Amino acid sequence: MIRFEFLIHRAVGLKRDLHPDSRLIARRIGDLYDEPGVGQMVCEALQDDFFPLSLFARYHLDKGTERAGQDLAIMSRMFFRIRRDIDRFFDNRTVTCVNLDGDALQHVPLDQWCSFCGECCQLSGTIPDPPDSIRYPGYWYSYIAGDGPLVQRFCPFLFELPPQDLFFCAIHNIKPLTCLAYEKQDCLKRHPGRARA
């Protein structure tokens, strides 16, 4: 296995275990980039508690090292842009069920039918139809529709809590109406065994 893939898989495991070496592995991955600024950005993304690294590993490592490295850089840029604009245009505590200023061990509301598996958000895009009172930053429309800078296999607003093996929508309370319409019966039909009883 090539070094990049090995380091990514190692980083996934270390983040899941909250192992202190995850920061060291993140730096090693960042050091693989020729451009220091890009490497630093990737390193910071990998160290972020909510970066969906396991989804990157699942969907992007099969593209070859060079392409996967480019995808990781693009995905890191998208992730930070979304994170910044959630705070810039909204309040993260009102738009999602997870405090994006908190950590990966925080309590999430598991007293509902959703199990936070993220399966329903692993798609190539959807209709970017915000709730009536909400106006998204312009580029969110293309990201939601799957027209962003990556071939999309999961929604770029799907963030991760690695040690809990949970995934959550970073804009849950203001997500598109198409997503808000997805209910327990849809989950039971499309993803059997995922919904909580």
Protein backbone atom coordinates (compact mmCIF):
# COMPACT_ATOMS: atom_id res chain seq x y z
CA MET A 1 0.00 0.00 0.00
CA ILE A 2 1.35 3.42 -0.86
CA ARG A 3 2.28 5.88 1.86
CA PHE A 4 -0.61 8.33 1.34
CA GLU A 5 -3.24 5.60 1.60
CA PHE A 6 -1.53 4.05 4.63
CA LEU A 7 -1.39 7.41 6.41
CA ILE A 8 -5.05 8.17 5.65
CA HIS A 9 -6.19 4.81 7.01
CA ARG A 10 -3.97 5.34 10.07
CA ALA A 11 -5.43 8.82 10.57
CA VAL A 12 -8.99 7.44 10.43
CA GLY A 13 -8.21 4.93 13.19
CA LEU A 14 -6.35 7.41 15.37
CA LYS A 15 -9.14 10.02 15.10
CA ARG A 16 -11.71 7.39 16.01
CA ASP A 17 -9.65 6.47 19.09
CA LEU A 18 -8.86 10.12 19.95
CA HIS A 19 -5.22 9.09 19.99
CA PRO A 20 -2.75 11.99 20.38
CA ASP A 21 -0.70 10.67 17.44
CA SER A 22 -3.53 11.73 15.11
CA ARG A 23 -1.98 15.22 15.02
CA LEU A 24 1.39 13.77 14.03
CA ILE A 25 -0.16 11.73 11.22
CA ALA A 26 -2.08 14.81 10.04
CA ARG A 27 1.22 16.71 9.82
CA ARG A 28 2.84 13.85 7.90
CA ILE A 29 -0.02 13.87 5.40
CA GLY A 30 0.22 17.66 5.07
CA ASP A 31 3.97 17.35 4.45
CA LEU A 32 3.28 15.22 1.36
CA TYR A 33 1.98 18.32 -0.47
CA ASP A 34 4.40 20.39 -2.55
CA GLU A 35 2.66 23.65 -1.69
CA PRO A 36 3.12 24.39 2.04
CA GLY A 37 -0.14 26.38 2.25
CA VAL A 38 -2.14 23.48 0.84
CA GLY A 39 -0.36 21.03 3.13
CA GLN A 40 -1.09 23.21 6.16
CA MET A 41 -4.76 23.47 5.22
CA VAL A 42 -5.04 19.68 4.80
CA CYS A 43 -3.26 19.16 8.13
CA GLU A 44 -5.70 21.50 9.88
CA ALA A 45 -8.70 19.81 8.27
CA LEU A 46 -7.50 16.39 9.40
CA GLN A 47 -7.12 17.73 12.94
CA ASP A 48 -10.63 19.22 12.99
CA ASP A 49 -12.99 17.16 15.17
CA PHE A 50 -15.74 17.23 12.53
CA PHE A 51 -13.89 16.66 9.24
CA PRO A 52 -15.47 13.60 7.53
CA LEU A 53 -12.20 11.72 7.06
CA SER A 54 -13.70 8.22 7.11
CA LEU A 55 -16.00 9.18 4.22
CA PHE A 56 -13.03 10.56 2.31
CA ALA A 57 -11.20 7.25 2.85
CA ARG A 58 -14.25 5.26 1.75
CA TYR A 59 -14.96 7.20 -1.42
CA HIS A 60 -11.73 8.79 -2.63
CA LEU A 61 -8.78 6.50 -2.00
CA ASP A 62 -9.66 4.24 -4.91
CA LYS A 63 -8.84 7.05 -7.39
CA GLY A 64 -5.06 6.74 -7.15
CA THR A 65 -2.71 8.70 -4.94
CA GLU A 66 -2.38 11.87 -6.98
CA ARG A 67 -6.12 12.27 -7.57
CA ALA A 68 -6.96 11.33 -3.97
CA GLY A 69 -4.44 13.90 -2.72
CA GLN A 70 -6.02 16.57 -4.92
CA ASP A 71 -9.49 15.56 -3.71
CA LEU A 72 -8.39 15.81 -0.07
CA ALA A 73 -7.10 19.34 -0.68
CA ILE A 74 -10.34 20.37 -2.41
CA MET A 75 -12.46 18.73 0.27
CA SER A 76 -10.46 20.49 3.00
CA ARG A 77 -11.02 23.85 1.30
CA MET A 78 -14.76 23.15 0.94
CA PHE A 79 -15.02 22.04 4.57
CA PHE A 80 -13.38 25.19 5.94
CA ARG A 81 -15.39 27.42 3.65
CA ILE A 82 -18.64 25.86 4.89
CA ARG A 83 -17.50 26.01 8.54
CA ARG A 84 -16.57 29.68 8.20
CA ASP A 85 -19.81 30.63 6.49
CA ILE A 86 -22.02 28.78 8.97
CA ASP A 87 -20.69 31.22 11.59
CA ARG A 88 -20.54 34.16 9.21
CA PHE A 89 -24.13 33.96 7.98
CA PHE A 90 -25.82 31.93 10.71
CA ASP A 91 -25.18 30.77 14.27
CA ASN A 92 -23.88 27.21 14.39
CA ARG A 93 -25.86 26.51 17.56
CA THR A 94 -29.10 27.30 15.78
CA VAL A 95 -28.44 25.61 12.44
CA THR A 96 -27.25 22.20 13.62
CA CYS A 97 -27.73 19.75 16.48
CA VAL A 98 -23.99 19.71 17.23
CA ASN A 99 -22.05 22.64 18.62
CA LEU A 100 -19.32 23.21 16.03
CA ASP A 101 -17.34 25.08 18.70
CA GLY A 102 -17.38 21.93 20.85
CA ASP A 103 -15.56 18.64 20.50
CA ALA A 104 -16.15 15.20 19.03
CA LEU A 105 -17.31 13.73 22.35
CA GLN A 106 -20.23 16.06 22.90
CA HIS A 107 -23.70 14.68 23.47
CA VAL A 108 -25.91 14.39 20.41
CA PRO A 109 -29.70 13.99 20.62
CA LEU A 110 -30.15 10.23 20.23
CA ASP A 111 -33.72 10.27 21.55
CA GLN A 112 -35.24 10.28 18.06
CA TRP A 113 -35.59 7.89 15.13
CA CYS A 114 -32.40 9.07 13.40
CA SER A 115 -29.31 7.07 14.33
CA PHE A 116 -26.84 9.57 12.80
CA CYS A 117 -25.49 6.92 10.41
CA GLY A 118 -25.24 9.45 7.55
CA GLU A 119 -26.45 6.93 4.94
CA CYS A 120 -29.22 9.23 3.66
CA CYS A 121 -26.64 11.95 2.95
CA GLN A 122 -24.32 9.76 0.89
CA LEU A 123 -25.59 10.95 -2.47
CA SER A 124 -24.46 12.84 -5.52
CA GLY A 125 -26.62 15.89 -4.86
CA THR A 126 -30.15 17.04 -4.17
CA ILE A 127 -32.44 19.99 -4.81
CA PRO A 128 -31.02 23.11 -3.12
CA ASP A 129 -34.37 24.41 -1.86
CA PRO A 130 -33.81 26.26 1.44
CA PRO A 131 -36.63 26.88 3.93
CA ASP A 132 -38.65 30.04 3.14
CA SER A 133 -36.90 32.37 5.58
CA ILE A 134 -33.38 31.20 4.69
CA ARG A 135 -31.00 32.40 2.01
CA TYR A 136 -27.85 30.34 1.55
CA PRO A 137 -24.47 31.75 0.51
CA GLY A 138 -24.40 31.45 -3.28
CA TYR A 139 -21.98 28.56 -3.61
CA TRP A 140 -24.03 26.40 -1.18
CA TYR A 141 -26.61 25.92 -3.94
CA SER A 142 -24.05 24.27 -6.21
CA TYR A 143 -22.55 22.23 -3.35
CA ILE A 144 -25.99 20.91 -2.37
CA ALA A 145 -26.87 20.16 -5.99
CA GLY A 146 -23.64 18.19 -6.40
CA ASP A 147 -22.11 20.71 -8.80
CA GLY A 148 -19.16 21.60 -6.56
CA PRO A 149 -15.49 21.10 -7.38
CA LEU A 150 -15.54 17.37 -6.47
CA VAL A 151 -17.33 14.38 -7.92
CA GLN A 152 -19.71 14.13 -4.99
CA ARG A 153 -20.39 10.79 -3.27
CA PHE A 154 -21.65 12.38 -0.05
CA CYS A 155 -23.06 15.76 0.89
CA PRO A 156 -20.31 18.27 1.74
CA PHE A 157 -22.45 19.38 4.70
CA LEU A 158 -22.21 15.90 6.24
CA PHE A 159 -19.75 16.17 9.12
CA GLU A 160 -18.43 13.42 11.39
CA LEU A 161 -17.99 12.61 15.09
CA PRO A 162 -15.29 9.93 14.64
CA PRO A 163 -15.01 8.56 18.21
CA GLN A 164 -18.78 8.10 18.30
CA ASP A 165 -18.98 6.74 14.74
CA LEU A 166 -21.73 9.27 14.04
CA PHE A 167 -22.41 11.63 11.15
CA PHE A 168 -24.52 14.79 11.25
CA CYS A 169 -25.80 17.52 8.98
CA ALA A 170 -23.87 20.71 9.68
CA ILE A 171 -26.94 22.73 8.60
CA HIS A 172 -29.63 20.41 9.96
CA ASN A 173 -32.15 23.09 10.98
CA ILE A 174 -31.83 25.04 7.73
CA LYS A 175 -31.16 22.16 5.34
CA PRO A 176 -33.03 21.99 2.04
CA LEU A 177 -36.75 21.23 2.17
CA THR A 178 -36.03 18.08 0.17
CA CYS A 179 -33.83 16.87 3.04
CA LEU A 180 -36.24 18.06 5.73
CA ALA A 181 -38.98 15.98 4.07
CA TYR A 182 -36.94 12.80 4.61
CA GLU A 183 -38.68 11.04 7.50
CA LYS A 184 -38.48 7.77 9.39
CA GLN A 185 -40.58 5.90 6.82
CA ASP A 186 -38.11 6.95 4.09
CA CYS A 187 -35.20 5.71 6.20
CA LEU A 188 -36.93 2.40 6.92
CA LYS A 189 -37.58 1.89 3.21
CA ARG A 190 -34.23 3.03 1.80
CA HIS A 191 -31.87 2.09 4.63
CA PRO A 192 -33.41 -0.86 6.50
CA GLY A 193 -32.07 -1.39 10.00
CA ARG A 194 -30.59 2.11 10.32
CA ALA A 195 -33.46 3.98 12.02
CA ARG A 196 -33.89 3.71 15.76
CA ALA A 197 -37.06 1.96 16.92
